[in-house]
Amino acid sequence: MKYKGEIKVNGVWVPSVTTLDFSVEDLDLEAFRSTDGLLHRQRIGEKIKLNCAWQVIEDSDDFKETFNALNNLPEFFPLVFPHPGGNLSFEITAYRGPLSTSMKTFYWDQQKRKMAEWRNLKTNFIER
């Protein structure tokens, strides 16, 4: 890939994201409401979740490399990213959520080969 972005996934820097949404989500062992409507929870921790989107990756080869790198990740992997608390190289062990993209154009080039361009690559990373 031509440019190193702000996220390193399984040892590979991916292009800069268009959108990086950070959230911290609670983990409950159990949660229920009693008959009086009061919520009872047994909170056991919190996990980080990153929602990432790349609107357009201009270079076709960079897009393919990025898509393949994200699509072929192991079950769990190291993830390095800037943390809003100030650490610009925060690392967690994560897994990947759904990976999606949209076709931008489909055409035949001058050598009469089928070509496709893609945009709106999206995925999320969740702390293990």
C-alpha atoms as a PDB file:
ATOM      1  CA  MET A   1       0.000   0.000   0.000  1.00  0.00           C
ATOM      2  CA  LYS A   2       1.208   3.464  -0.809  1.00  0.00           C
ATOM      3  CA  TYR A   3       0.257   5.305   2.365  1.00  0.00           C
ATOM      4  CA  LYS A   4       0.391   4.288   5.992  1.00  0.00           C
ATOM      5  CA  GLY A   5      -2.802   5.250   7.802  1.00  0.00           C
ATOM      6  CA  GLU A   6      -3.619   5.442  11.477  1.00  0.00           C
ATOM      7  CA  ILE A   7      -4.717   1.816  11.957  1.00  0.00           C
ATOM      8  CA  LYS A   8      -2.485  -1.247  11.964  1.00  0.00           C
ATOM      9  CA  VAL A   9      -4.386  -4.519  11.568  1.00  0.00           C
ATOM     10  CA  ASN A  10      -2.553  -7.796  12.228  1.00  0.00           C
ATOM     11  CA  GLY A  11       0.779  -6.073  11.565  1.00  0.00           C
ATOM     12  CA  VAL A  12      -0.350  -4.316   8.340  1.00  0.00           C
ATOM     13  CA  TRP A  13      -0.978  -0.572   8.104  1.00  0.00           C
ATOM     14  CA  VAL A  14      -4.184   0.125   6.166  1.00  0.00           C
ATOM     15  CA  PRO A  15      -4.963   3.382   4.301  1.00  0.00           C
ATOM     16  CA  SER A  16      -6.316   6.297   6.325  1.00  0.00           C
ATOM     17  CA  VAL A  17      -9.967   5.872   7.198  1.00  0.00           C
ATOM     18  CA  THR A  18     -12.619   8.398   6.215  1.00  0.00           C
ATOM     19  CA  THR A  19     -14.547   7.651   9.403  1.00  0.00           C
ATOM     20  CA  LEU A  20     -13.294   6.199  12.676  1.00  0.00           C
ATOM     21  CA  ASP A  21     -16.016   5.920  15.328  1.00  0.00           C
ATOM     22  CA  PHE A  22     -14.780   4.851  18.772  1.00  0.00           C
ATOM     23  CA  SER A  23     -17.069   3.441  21.447  1.00  0.00           C
ATOM     24  CA  VAL A  24     -16.735   1.633  24.753  1.00  0.00           C
ATOM     25  CA  GLU A  25     -19.448  -0.941  25.325  1.00  0.00           C
ATOM     26  CA  ASP A  26     -20.484  -2.545  28.600  1.00  0.00           C
ATOM     27  CA  LEU A  27     -20.503  -6.318  29.005  1.00  0.00           C
ATOM     28  CA  ASP A  28     -23.218  -7.736  31.209  1.00  0.00           C
ATOM     29  CA  LEU A  29     -23.253 -11.258  32.593  1.00  0.00           C
ATOM     30  CA  GLU A  30     -26.990 -10.820  32.996  1.00  0.00           C
ATOM     31  CA  ALA A  31     -29.493  -7.976  32.953  1.00  0.00           C
ATOM     32  CA  PHE A  32     -33.206  -8.004  33.630  1.00  0.00           C
ATOM     33  CA  ARG A  33     -36.044  -5.771  34.786  1.00  0.00           C
ATOM     34  CA  SER A  34     -38.043  -6.610  37.852  1.00  0.00           C
ATOM     35  CA  THR A  35     -41.833  -6.307  37.919  1.00  0.00           C
ATOM     36  CA  ASP A  36     -41.518  -2.736  39.208  1.00  0.00           C
ATOM     37  CA  GLY A  37     -39.527  -1.794  36.046  1.00  0.00           C
ATOM     38  CA  LEU A  38     -36.185  -1.428  37.817  1.00  0.00           C
ATOM     39  CA  LEU A  39     -33.165  -2.594  35.781  1.00  0.00           C
ATOM     40  CA  HIS A  40     -30.827  -5.066  37.472  1.00  0.00           C
ATOM     41  CA  ARG A  41     -27.459  -5.729  35.810  1.00  0.00           C
ATOM     42  CA  GLN A  42     -24.331  -7.606  36.553  1.00  0.00           C
ATOM     43  CA  ARG A  43     -21.711  -5.617  34.661  1.00  0.00           C
ATOM     44  CA  ILE A  44     -18.505  -7.615  34.195  1.00  0.00           C
ATOM     45  CA  GLY A  45     -16.436  -5.302  32.024  1.00  0.00           C
ATOM     46  CA  GLU A  46     -16.178  -3.071  29.004  1.00  0.00           C
ATOM     47  CA  LYS A  47     -14.819  -3.554  25.491  1.00  0.00           C
ATOM     48  CA  ILE A  48     -13.701  -1.166  22.767  1.00  0.00           C
ATOM     49  CA  LYS A  49     -15.417  -1.106  19.380  1.00  0.00           C
ATOM     50  CA  LEU A  50     -14.171   0.777  16.308  1.00  0.00           C
ATOM     51  CA  ASN A  51     -16.451   1.388  13.323  1.00  0.00           C
ATOM     52  CA  CYS A  52     -14.285   2.154  10.302  1.00  0.00           C
ATOM     53  CA  ALA A  53     -15.177   3.347   6.813  1.00  0.00           C
ATOM     54  CA  TRP A  54     -13.141   4.154   3.733  1.00  0.00           C
ATOM     55  CA  GLN A  55     -15.307   6.149   1.294  1.00  0.00           C
ATOM     56  CA  VAL A  56     -12.896   5.885  -1.624  1.00  0.00           C
ATOM     57  CA  ILE A  57      -9.450   4.327  -1.856  1.00  0.00           C
ATOM     58  CA  GLU A  58      -8.258   5.941  -5.084  1.00  0.00           C
ATOM     59  CA  ASP A  59      -5.679   3.404  -6.178  1.00  0.00           C
ATOM     60  CA  SER A  60      -7.288   0.146  -7.340  1.00  0.00           C
ATOM     61  CA  ASP A  61      -4.362  -1.979  -6.138  1.00  0.00           C
ATOM     62  CA  ASP A  62      -4.488  -0.326  -2.689  1.00  0.00           C
ATOM     63  CA  PHE A  63      -8.202  -1.091  -2.498  1.00  0.00           C
ATOM     64  CA  LYS A  64      -7.648  -4.749  -3.410  1.00  0.00           C
ATOM     65  CA  GLU A  65      -4.773  -5.096  -0.922  1.00  0.00           C
ATOM     66  CA  THR A  66      -6.837  -3.463   1.830  1.00  0.00           C
ATOM     67  CA  PHE A  67      -9.924  -5.565   1.117  1.00  0.00           C
ATOM     68  CA  ASN A  68      -7.912  -8.798   1.005  1.00  0.00           C
ATOM     69  CA  ALA A  69      -5.996  -7.917   4.184  1.00  0.00           C
ATOM     70  CA  LEU A  70      -9.266  -7.289   6.042  1.00  0.00           C
ATOM     71  CA  ASN A  71     -11.078 -10.240   4.485  1.00  0.00           C
ATOM     72  CA  ASN A  72      -8.344 -12.760   5.353  1.00  0.00           C
ATOM     73  CA  LEU A  73      -7.770 -11.871   9.001  1.00  0.00           C
ATOM     74  CA  PRO A  74      -7.394 -14.647  11.563  1.00  0.00           C
ATOM     75  CA  GLU A  75     -10.066 -15.102  14.219  1.00  0.00           C
ATOM     76  CA  PHE A  76      -8.222 -12.774  16.655  1.00  0.00           C
ATOM     77  CA  PHE A  77      -5.412 -10.342  15.823  1.00  0.00           C
ATOM     78  CA  PRO A  78      -3.506  -7.319  17.175  1.00  0.00           C
ATOM     79  CA  LEU A  79      -5.025  -3.922  16.355  1.00  0.00           C
ATOM     80  CA  VAL A  80      -3.179  -0.609  16.811  1.00  0.00           C
ATOM     81  CA  PHE A  81      -5.116   2.667  16.599  1.00  0.00           C
ATOM     82  CA  PRO A  82      -5.217   6.195  18.089  1.00  0.00           C
ATOM     83  CA  HIS A  83      -7.135   6.183  21.397  1.00  0.00           C
ATOM     84  CA  PRO A  84      -9.182   9.277  22.292  1.00  0.00           C
ATOM     85  CA  GLY A  85      -7.515   9.230  25.738  1.00  0.00           C
ATOM     86  CA  GLY A  86      -4.279  10.454  24.110  1.00  0.00           C
ATOM     87  CA  ASN A  87      -2.359   7.270  23.278  1.00  0.00           C
ATOM     88  CA  LEU A  88      -1.721   7.397  19.509  1.00  0.00           C
ATOM     89  CA  SER A  89      -0.505   3.773  19.392  1.00  0.00           C
ATOM     90  CA  PHE A  90      -3.061   1.995  21.578  1.00  0.00           C
ATOM     91  CA  GLU A  91      -3.090  -1.797  21.040  1.00  0.00           C
ATOM     92  CA  ILE A  92      -5.760  -4.399  21.707  1.00  0.00           C
ATOM     93  CA  THR A  93      -6.510  -7.943  20.584  1.00  0.00           C
ATOM     94  CA  ALA A  94      -9.584  -7.743  18.365  1.00  0.00           C
ATOM     95  CA  TYR A  95     -11.825  -9.579  15.944  1.00  0.00           C
ATOM     96  CA  ARG A  96     -13.443  -8.221  12.785  1.00  0.00           C
ATOM     97  CA  GLY A  97     -17.179  -7.696  12.360  1.00  0.00           C
ATOM     98  CA  PRO A  98     -18.995  -7.632   9.005  1.00  0.00           C
ATOM     99  CA  LEU A  99     -16.979  -6.396   6.004  1.00  0.00           C
ATOM    100  CA  SER A 100     -18.917  -4.646   3.234  1.00  0.00           C
ATOM    101  CA  THR A 101     -18.338  -2.513   0.144  1.00  0.00           C
ATOM    102  CA  SER A 102     -20.316  -1.055  -2.790  1.00  0.00           C
ATOM    103  CA  MET A 103     -19.542  -1.220  -6.486  1.00  0.00           C
ATOM    104  CA  LYS A 104     -18.849   2.253  -7.861  1.00  0.00           C
ATOM    105  CA  THR A 105     -18.542   1.381 -11.575  1.00  0.00           C
ATOM    106  CA  PHE A 106     -18.328  -1.652 -13.835  1.00  0.00           C
ATOM    107  CA  TYR A 107     -16.929  -1.346 -17.345  1.00  0.00           C
ATOM    108  CA  TRP A 108     -14.837  -2.878 -20.113  1.00  0.00           C
ATOM    109  CA  ASP A 109     -11.369  -1.420 -20.655  1.00  0.00           C
ATOM    110  CA  GLN A 110      -9.628  -0.937 -24.014  1.00  0.00           C
ATOM    111  CA  GLN A 111      -8.316  -4.500 -23.954  1.00  0.00           C
ATOM    112  CA  LYS A 112     -11.940  -5.682 -23.532  1.00  0.00           C
ATOM    113  CA  ARG A 113     -11.381  -6.863 -19.957  1.00  0.00           C
ATOM    114  CA  LYS A 114     -14.063  -6.566 -17.308  1.00  0.00           C
ATOM    115  CA  MET A 115     -13.158  -3.923 -14.710  1.00  0.00           C
ATOM    116  CA  ALA A 116     -14.822  -2.850 -11.461  1.00  0.00           C
ATOM    117  CA  GLU A 117     -14.184   0.010  -9.084  1.00  0.00           C
ATOM    118  CA  TRP A 118     -15.365  -0.097  -5.483  1.00  0.00           C
ATOM    119  CA  ARG A 119     -16.114   2.395  -2.697  1.00  0.00           C
ATOM    120  CA  ASN A 120     -17.617   2.577   0.793  1.00  0.00           C
ATOM    121  CA  LEU A 121     -15.530  -0.159   2.376  1.00  0.00           C
ATOM    122  CA  LYS A 122     -16.757  -0.652   5.959  1.00  0.00           C
ATOM    123  CA  THR A 123     -15.997  -2.895   8.887  1.00  0.00           C
ATOM    124  CA  ASN A 124     -15.810  -2.816  12.646  1.00  0.00           C
ATOM    125  CA  PHE A 125     -13.263  -4.126  15.099  1.00  0.00           C
ATOM    126  CA  ILE A 126     -14.296  -5.369  18.523  1.00  0.00           C
ATOM    127  CA  GLU A 127     -11.972  -5.960  21.461  1.00  0.00           C
ATOM    128  CA  ARG A 128     -11.679  -9.617  22.428  1.00  0.00           C
END
